[in-house]
Amino acid sequence: MDISLDHAVDIYARALCAWRNEEAQREAQKEALAYRAVGDEEGYRAWSRVAERAAALLQERKGGFKRMV
């Protein structure tokens, strides 16, 4: 089964939100900075996207889930 980067970002963000709750975005940002420190820009960009997605998921949770039609 092939998983796209978009799916991987969503999976990691959801897992972090379930595991770390309010700290999810901060944990993903730490990972991103660790990848940047070793010069892995692709890893940095991926984890930055995870941090953004985690922030969005947490915001949805705070504001309630909106019904999608």
PDB file of N, CA and C in Angstrom:
ATOM      1  N   MET A   1       0.846  -1.171   0.000  1.00  0.00           N
ATOM      2  CA  MET A   1       0.000   0.000   0.000  1.00  0.00           C
ATOM      3  C   MET A   1       0.894   1.238   0.000  1.00  0.00           C
ATOM      4  N   ASP A   2       0.624   2.126  -0.921  1.00  0.00           N
ATOM      5  CA  ASP A   2       1.366   3.386  -0.998  1.00  0.00           C
ATOM      6  C   ASP A   2       0.648   4.443  -0.177  1.00  0.00           C
ATOM      7  N   ILE A   3       1.428   5.179   0.603  1.00  0.00           N
ATOM      8  CA  ILE A   3       0.887   6.267   1.405  1.00  0.00           C
ATOM      9  C   ILE A   3       1.555   7.551   0.933  1.00  0.00           C
ATOM     10  N   SER A   4       0.741   8.527   0.581  1.00  0.00           N
ATOM     11  CA  SER A   4       1.291   9.801   0.131  1.00  0.00           C
ATOM     12  C   SER A   4       1.788  10.595   1.326  1.00  0.00           C
ATOM     13  N   LEU A   5       2.576  11.602   1.039  1.00  0.00           N
ATOM     14  CA  LEU A   5       3.067  12.477   2.111  1.00  0.00           C
ATOM     15  C   LEU A   5       1.898  13.147   2.830  1.00  0.00           C
ATOM     16  N   ASP A   6       0.870  13.539   2.091  1.00  0.00           N
ATOM     17  CA  ASP A   6      -0.297  14.171   2.711  1.00  0.00           C
ATOM     18  C   ASP A   6      -0.968  13.234   3.711  1.00  0.00           C
ATOM     19  N   HIS A   7      -1.099  11.955   3.333  1.00  0.00           N
ATOM     20  CA  HIS A   7      -1.698  10.986   4.253  1.00  0.00           C
ATOM     21  C   HIS A   7      -0.804  10.764   5.469  1.00  0.00           C
ATOM     22  N   ALA A   8       0.487  10.677   5.248  1.00  0.00           N
ATOM     23  CA  ALA A   8       1.418  10.471   6.358  1.00  0.00           C
ATOM     24  C   ALA A   8       1.369  11.642   7.334  1.00  0.00           C
ATOM     25  N   VAL A   9       1.328  12.850   6.807  1.00  0.00           N
ATOM     26  CA  VAL A   9       1.234  14.051   7.647  1.00  0.00           C
ATOM     27  C   VAL A   9      -0.032  13.984   8.498  1.00  0.00           C
ATOM     28  N   ASP A  10      -1.154  13.628   7.880  1.00  0.00           N
ATOM     29  CA  ASP A  10      -2.414  13.551   8.611  1.00  0.00           C
ATOM     30  C   ASP A  10      -2.366  12.455   9.679  1.00  0.00           C
ATOM     31  N   ILE A  11      -1.810  11.313   9.346  1.00  0.00           N
ATOM     32  CA  ILE A  11      -1.716  10.199  10.299  1.00  0.00           C
ATOM     33  C   ILE A  11      -0.857  10.590  11.498  1.00  0.00           C
ATOM     34  N   TYR A  12       0.322  11.134  11.241  1.00  0.00           N
ATOM     35  CA  TYR A  12       1.204  11.541  12.341  1.00  0.00           C
ATOM     36  C   TYR A  12       0.572  12.629  13.195  1.00  0.00           C
ATOM     37  N   ALA A  13      -0.079  13.603  12.565  1.00  0.00           N
ATOM     38  CA  ALA A  13      -0.706  14.689  13.315  1.00  0.00           C
ATOM     39  C   ALA A  13      -1.827  14.154  14.207  1.00  0.00           C
ATOM     40  N   ARG A  14      -2.639  13.265  13.671  1.00  0.00           N
ATOM     41  CA  ARG A  14      -3.732  12.691  14.462  1.00  0.00           C
ATOM     42  C   ARG A  14      -3.190  11.850  15.617  1.00  0.00           C
ATOM     43  N   ALA A  15      -2.131  11.081  15.345  1.00  0.00           N
ATOM     44  CA  ALA A  15      -1.531  10.263  16.400  1.00  0.00           C
ATOM     45  C   ALA A  15      -0.945  11.147  17.500  1.00  0.00           C
ATOM     46  N   LEU A  16      -0.240  12.200  17.123  1.00  0.00           N
ATOM     47  CA  LEU A  16       0.313  13.114  18.123  1.00  0.00           C
ATOM     48  C   LEU A  16      -0.784  13.784  18.946  1.00  0.00           C
ATOM     49  N   CYS A  17      -1.873  14.162  18.295  1.00  0.00           N
ATOM     50  CA  CYS A  17      -2.974  14.795  19.027  1.00  0.00           C
ATOM     51  C   CYS A  17      -3.590  13.818  20.026  1.00  0.00           C
ATOM     52  N   ALA A  18      -3.698  12.561  19.639  1.00  0.00           N
ATOM     53  CA  ALA A  18      -4.258  11.558  20.542  1.00  0.00           C
ATOM     54  C   ALA A  18      -3.304  11.263  21.689  1.00  0.00           C
ATOM     55  N   TRP A  19      -2.010  11.257  21.385  1.00  0.00           N
ATOM     56  CA  TRP A  19      -1.004  10.876  22.376  1.00  0.00           C
ATOM     57  C   TRP A  19      -0.603  12.042  23.270  1.00  0.00           C
ATOM     58  N   ARG A  20      -0.316  13.190  22.676  1.00  0.00           N
ATOM     59  CA  ARG A  20       0.220  14.328  23.426  1.00  0.00           C
ATOM     60  C   ARG A  20      -0.784  15.447  23.654  1.00  0.00           C
ATOM     61  N   ASN A  21      -1.958  15.343  23.056  1.00  0.00           N
ATOM     62  CA  ASN A  21      -3.035  16.308  23.213  1.00  0.00           C
ATOM     63  C   ASN A  21      -2.547  17.730  22.928  1.00  0.00           C
ATOM     64  N   GLU A  22      -2.605  18.619  23.885  1.00  0.00           N
ATOM     65  CA  GLU A  22      -2.259  20.024  23.658  1.00  0.00           C
ATOM     66  C   GLU A  22      -0.785  20.245  23.303  1.00  0.00           C
ATOM     67  N   GLU A  23       0.055  19.279  23.578  1.00  0.00           N
ATOM     68  CA  GLU A  23       1.488  19.397  23.288  1.00  0.00           C
ATOM     69  C   GLU A  23       1.846  18.891  21.886  1.00  0.00           C
ATOM     70  N   ALA A  24       0.860  18.443  21.122  1.00  0.00           N
ATOM     71  CA  ALA A  24       1.117  17.828  19.817  1.00  0.00           C
ATOM     72  C   ALA A  24       1.877  18.750  18.867  1.00  0.00           C
ATOM     73  N   GLN A  25       1.430  19.978  18.753  1.00  0.00           N
ATOM     74  CA  GLN A  25       2.080  20.914  17.831  1.00  0.00           C
ATOM     75  C   GLN A  25       3.521  21.170  18.263  1.00  0.00           C
ATOM     76  N   ARG A  26       3.724  21.366  19.549  1.00  0.00           N
ATOM     77  CA  ARG A  26       5.067  21.631  20.066  1.00  0.00           C
ATOM     78  C   ARG A  26       6.003  20.433  19.826  1.00  0.00           C
ATOM     79  N   GLU A  27       5.494  19.220  20.015  1.00  0.00           N
ATOM     80  CA  GLU A  27       6.302  18.017  19.785  1.00  0.00           C
ATOM     81  C   GLU A  27       6.704  17.903  18.312  1.00  0.00           C
ATOM     82  N   ALA A  28       5.771  18.189  17.417  1.00  0.00           N
ATOM     83  CA  ALA A  28       6.074  18.137  15.987  1.00  0.00           C
ATOM     84  C   ALA A  28       7.093  19.218  15.610  1.00  0.00           C
ATOM     85  N   GLN A  29       6.979  20.383  16.216  1.00  0.00           N
ATOM     86  CA  GLN A  29       7.945  21.449  15.948  1.00  0.00           C
ATOM     87  C   GLN A  29       9.339  21.060  16.432  1.00  0.00           C
ATOM     88  N   LYS A  30       9.419  20.371  17.566  1.00  0.00           N
ATOM     89  CA  LYS A  30      10.716  19.890  18.059  1.00  0.00           C
ATOM     90  C   LYS A  30      11.334  18.920  17.070  1.00  0.00           C
ATOM     91  N   GLU A  31      10.510  18.011  16.547  1.00  0.00           N
ATOM     92  CA  GLU A  31      10.998  17.056  15.546  1.00  0.00           C
ATOM     93  C   GLU A  31      11.498  17.794  14.306  1.00  0.00           C
ATOM     94  N   ALA A  32      10.740  18.785  13.861  1.00  0.00           N
ATOM     95  CA  ALA A  32      11.138  19.551  12.677  1.00  0.00           C
ATOM     96  C   ALA A  32      12.494  20.211  12.894  1.00  0.00           C
ATOM     97  N   LEU A  33      12.678  20.816  14.055  1.00  0.00           N
ATOM     98  CA  LEU A  33      13.953  21.485  14.342  1.00  0.00           C
ATOM     99  C   LEU A  33      15.102  20.489  14.452  1.00  0.00           C
ATOM    100  N   ALA A  34      14.823  19.295  14.943  1.00  0.00           N
ATOM    101  CA  ALA A  34      15.862  18.266  15.014  1.00  0.00           C
ATOM    102  C   ALA A  34      16.306  17.856  13.609  1.00  0.00           C
ATOM    103  N   TYR A  35      15.370  17.742  12.697  1.00  0.00           N
ATOM    104  CA  TYR A  35      15.725  17.401  11.309  1.00  0.00           C
ATOM    105  C   TYR A  35      16.508  18.538  10.657  1.00  0.00           C
ATOM    106  N   ARG A  36      16.116  19.767  10.933  1.00  0.00           N
ATOM    107  CA  ARG A  36      16.844  20.906  10.357  1.00  0.00           C
ATOM    108  C   ARG A  36      18.273  20.966  10.908  1.00  0.00           C
ATOM    109  N   ALA A  37      18.440  20.633  12.182  1.00  0.00           N
ATOM    110  CA  ALA A  37      19.760  20.683  12.821  1.00  0.00           C
ATOM    111  C   ALA A  37      20.752  19.730  12.151  1.00  0.00           C
ATOM    112  N   VAL A  38      20.252  18.623  11.624  1.00  0.00           N
ATOM    113  CA  VAL A  38      21.150  17.673  10.949  1.00  0.00           C
ATOM    114  C   VAL A  38      21.168  17.881   9.437  1.00  0.00           C
ATOM    115  N   GLY A  39      20.513  18.945   8.985  1.00  0.00           N
ATOM    116  CA  GLY A  39      20.568  19.295   7.571  1.00  0.00           C
ATOM    117  C   GLY A  39      19.575  18.571   6.689  1.00  0.00           C
ATOM    118  N   ASP A  40      18.572  17.948   7.265  1.00  0.00           N
ATOM    119  CA  ASP A  40      17.561  17.227   6.489  1.00  0.00           C
ATOM    120  C   ASP A  40      16.368  18.147   6.245  1.00  0.00           C
ATOM    121  N   GLU A  41      16.430  18.898   5.148  1.00  0.00           N
ATOM    122  CA  GLU A  41      15.375  19.876   4.859  1.00  0.00           C
ATOM    123  C   GLU A  41      14.055  19.203   4.509  1.00  0.00           C
ATOM    124  N   GLU A  42      14.106  18.052   3.855  1.00  0.00           N
ATOM    125  CA  GLU A  42      12.874  17.342   3.517  1.00  0.00           C
ATOM    126  C   GLU A  42      12.161  16.883   4.796  1.00  0.00           C
ATOM    127  N   GLY A  43      12.909  16.352   5.746  1.00  0.00           N
ATOM    128  CA  GLY A  43      12.339  15.950   7.025  1.00  0.00           C
ATOM    129  C   GLY A  43      11.798  17.150   7.780  1.00  0.00           C
ATOM    130  N   TYR A  44      12.532  18.251   7.708  1.00  0.00           N
ATOM    131  CA  TYR A  44      12.087  19.487   8.366  1.00  0.00           C
ATOM    132  C   TYR A  44      10.742  19.942   7.795  1.00  0.00           C
ATOM    133  N   ARG A  45      10.638  19.953   6.470  1.00  0.00           N
ATOM    134  CA  ARG A  45       9.385  20.394   5.841  1.00  0.00           C
ATOM    135  C   ARG A  45       8.223  19.462   6.193  1.00  0.00           C
ATOM    136  N   ALA A  46       8.481  18.161   6.199  1.00  0.00           N
ATOM    137  CA  ALA A  46       7.422  17.203   6.521  1.00  0.00           C
ATOM    138  C   ALA A  46       6.926  17.398   7.951  1.00  0.00           C
ATOM    139  N   TRP A  47       7.853  17.508   8.903  1.00  0.00           N
ATOM    140  CA  TRP A  47       7.448  17.674  10.299  1.00  0.00           C
ATOM    141  C   TRP A  47       6.819  19.040  10.541  1.00  0.00           C
ATOM    142  N   SER A  48       7.215  20.044   9.782  1.00  0.00           N
ATOM    143  CA  SER A  48       6.558  21.348   9.893  1.00  0.00           C
ATOM    144  C   SER A  48       5.102  21.245   9.459  1.00  0.00           C
ATOM    145  N   ARG A  49       4.857  20.455   8.415  1.00  0.00           N
ATOM    146  CA  ARG A  49       3.480  20.228   7.973  1.00  0.00           C
ATOM    147  C   ARG A  49       2.688  19.465   9.027  1.00  0.00           C
ATOM    148  N   VAL A  50       3.342  18.508   9.705  1.00  0.00           N
ATOM    149  CA  VAL A  50       2.672  17.773  10.788  1.00  0.00           C
ATOM    150  C   VAL A  50       2.279  18.751  11.887  1.00  0.00           C
ATOM    151  N   ALA A  51       3.183  19.673  12.230  1.00  0.00           N
ATOM    152  CA  ALA A  51       2.889  20.668  13.269  1.00  0.00           C
ATOM    153  C   ALA A  51       1.697  21.535  12.873  1.00  0.00           C
ATOM    154  N   GLU A  52       1.648  21.959  11.617  1.00  0.00           N
ATOM    155  CA  GLU A  52       0.535  22.780  11.146  1.00  0.00           C
ATOM    156  C   GLU A  52      -0.777  22.006  11.200  1.00  0.00           C
ATOM    157  N   ARG A  53      -0.731  20.748  10.784  1.00  0.00           N
ATOM    158  CA  ARG A  53      -1.942  19.908  10.786  1.00  0.00           C
ATOM    159  C   ARG A  53      -2.404  19.646  12.221  1.00  0.00           C
ATOM    160  N   ALA A  54      -1.459  19.395  13.117  1.00  0.00           N
ATOM    161  CA  ALA A  54      -1.810  19.171  14.526  1.00  0.00           C
ATOM    162  C   ALA A  54      -2.475  20.411  15.102  1.00  0.00           C
ATOM    163  N   ALA A  55      -1.948  21.585  14.778  1.00  0.00           N
ATOM    164  CA  ALA A  55      -2.548  22.832  15.262  1.00  0.00           C
ATOM    165  C   ALA A  55      -3.976  22.975  14.747  1.00  0.00           C
ATOM    166  N   ALA A  56      -4.185  22.637  13.481  1.00  0.00           N
ATOM    167  CA  ALA A  56      -5.529  22.721  12.907  1.00  0.00           C
ATOM    168  C   ALA A  56      -6.482  21.733  13.582  1.00  0.00           C
ATOM    169  N   LEU A  57      -6.004  20.520  13.833  1.00  0.00           N
ATOM    170  CA  LEU A  57      -6.841  19.519  14.499  1.00  0.00           C
ATOM    171  C   LEU A  57      -7.206  19.962  15.914  1.00  0.00           C
ATOM    172  N   LEU A  58      -6.233  20.517  16.625  1.00  0.00           N
ATOM    173  CA  LEU A  58      -6.501  20.991  17.982  1.00  0.00           C
ATOM    174  C   LEU A  58      -7.489  22.152  17.967  1.00  0.00           C
ATOM    175  N   GLN A  59      -7.374  23.019  16.975  1.00  0.00           N
ATOM    176  CA  GLN A  59      -8.306  24.145  16.854  1.00  0.00           C
ATOM    177  C   GLN A  59      -9.713  23.642  16.576  1.00  0.00           C
ATOM    178  N   GLU A  60      -9.828  22.633  15.698  1.00  0.00           N
ATOM    179  CA  GLU A  60     -11.137  22.043  15.419  1.00  0.00           C
ATOM    180  C   GLU A  60     -11.737  21.468  16.695  1.00  0.00           C
ATOM    181  N   ARG A  61     -10.894  20.801  17.459  1.00  0.00           N
ATOM    182  CA  ARG A  61     -11.364  20.180  18.707  1.00  0.00           C
ATOM    183  C   ARG A  61     -11.873  21.231  19.679  1.00  0.00           C
ATOM    184  N   LYS A  62     -11.162  22.351  19.775  1.00  0.00           N
ATOM    185  CA  LYS A  62     -11.582  23.420  20.690  1.00  0.00           C
ATOM    186  C   LYS A  62     -12.874  24.083  20.231  1.00  0.00           C
ATOM    187  N   GLY A  63     -12.993  24.263  18.924  1.00  0.00           N
ATOM    188  CA  GLY A  63     -14.170  24.942  18.380  1.00  0.00           C
ATOM    189  C   GLY A  63     -15.321  24.010  18.117  1.00  0.00           C
ATOM    190  N   GLY A  64     -15.138  22.750  18.402  1.00  0.00           N
ATOM    191  CA  GLY A  64     -16.184  21.781  18.090  1.00  0.00           C
ATOM    192  C   GLY A  64     -16.013  21.306  16.665  1.00  0.00           C
ATOM    193  N   PHE A  65     -16.519  20.168  16.390  1.00  0.00           N
ATOM    194  CA  PHE A  65     -16.391  19.618  15.052  1.00  0.00           C
ATOM    195  C   PHE A  65     -17.470  20.202  14.159  1.00  0.00           C
ATOM    196  N   LYS A  66     -17.056  20.666  13.016  1.00  0.00           N
ATOM    197  CA  LYS A  66     -18.001  21.230  12.065  1.00  0.00           C
ATOM    198  C   LYS A  66     -18.492  20.110  11.152  1.00  0.00           C
ATOM    199  N   ARG A  67     -19.745  20.157  10.881  1.00  0.00           N
ATOM    200  CA  ARG A  67     -20.336  19.134  10.030  1.00  0.00           C
ATOM    201  C   ARG A  67     -19.996  19.433   8.584  1.00  0.00           C
ATOM    202  N   MET A  68     -19.487  18.438   7.901  1.00  0.00           N
ATOM    203  CA  MET A  68     -19.124  18.621   6.495  1.00  0.00           C
ATOM    204  C   MET A  68     -20.257  18.080   5.628  1.00  0.00           C
ATOM    205  N   VAL A  69     -20.664  18.891   4.685  1.00  0.00           N
ATOM    206  CA  VAL A  69     -21.764  18.488   3.795  1.00  0.00           C
ATOM    207  C   VAL A  69     -21.218  18.330   2.407  1.00  0.00           C
TER     208      VAL A  69
END
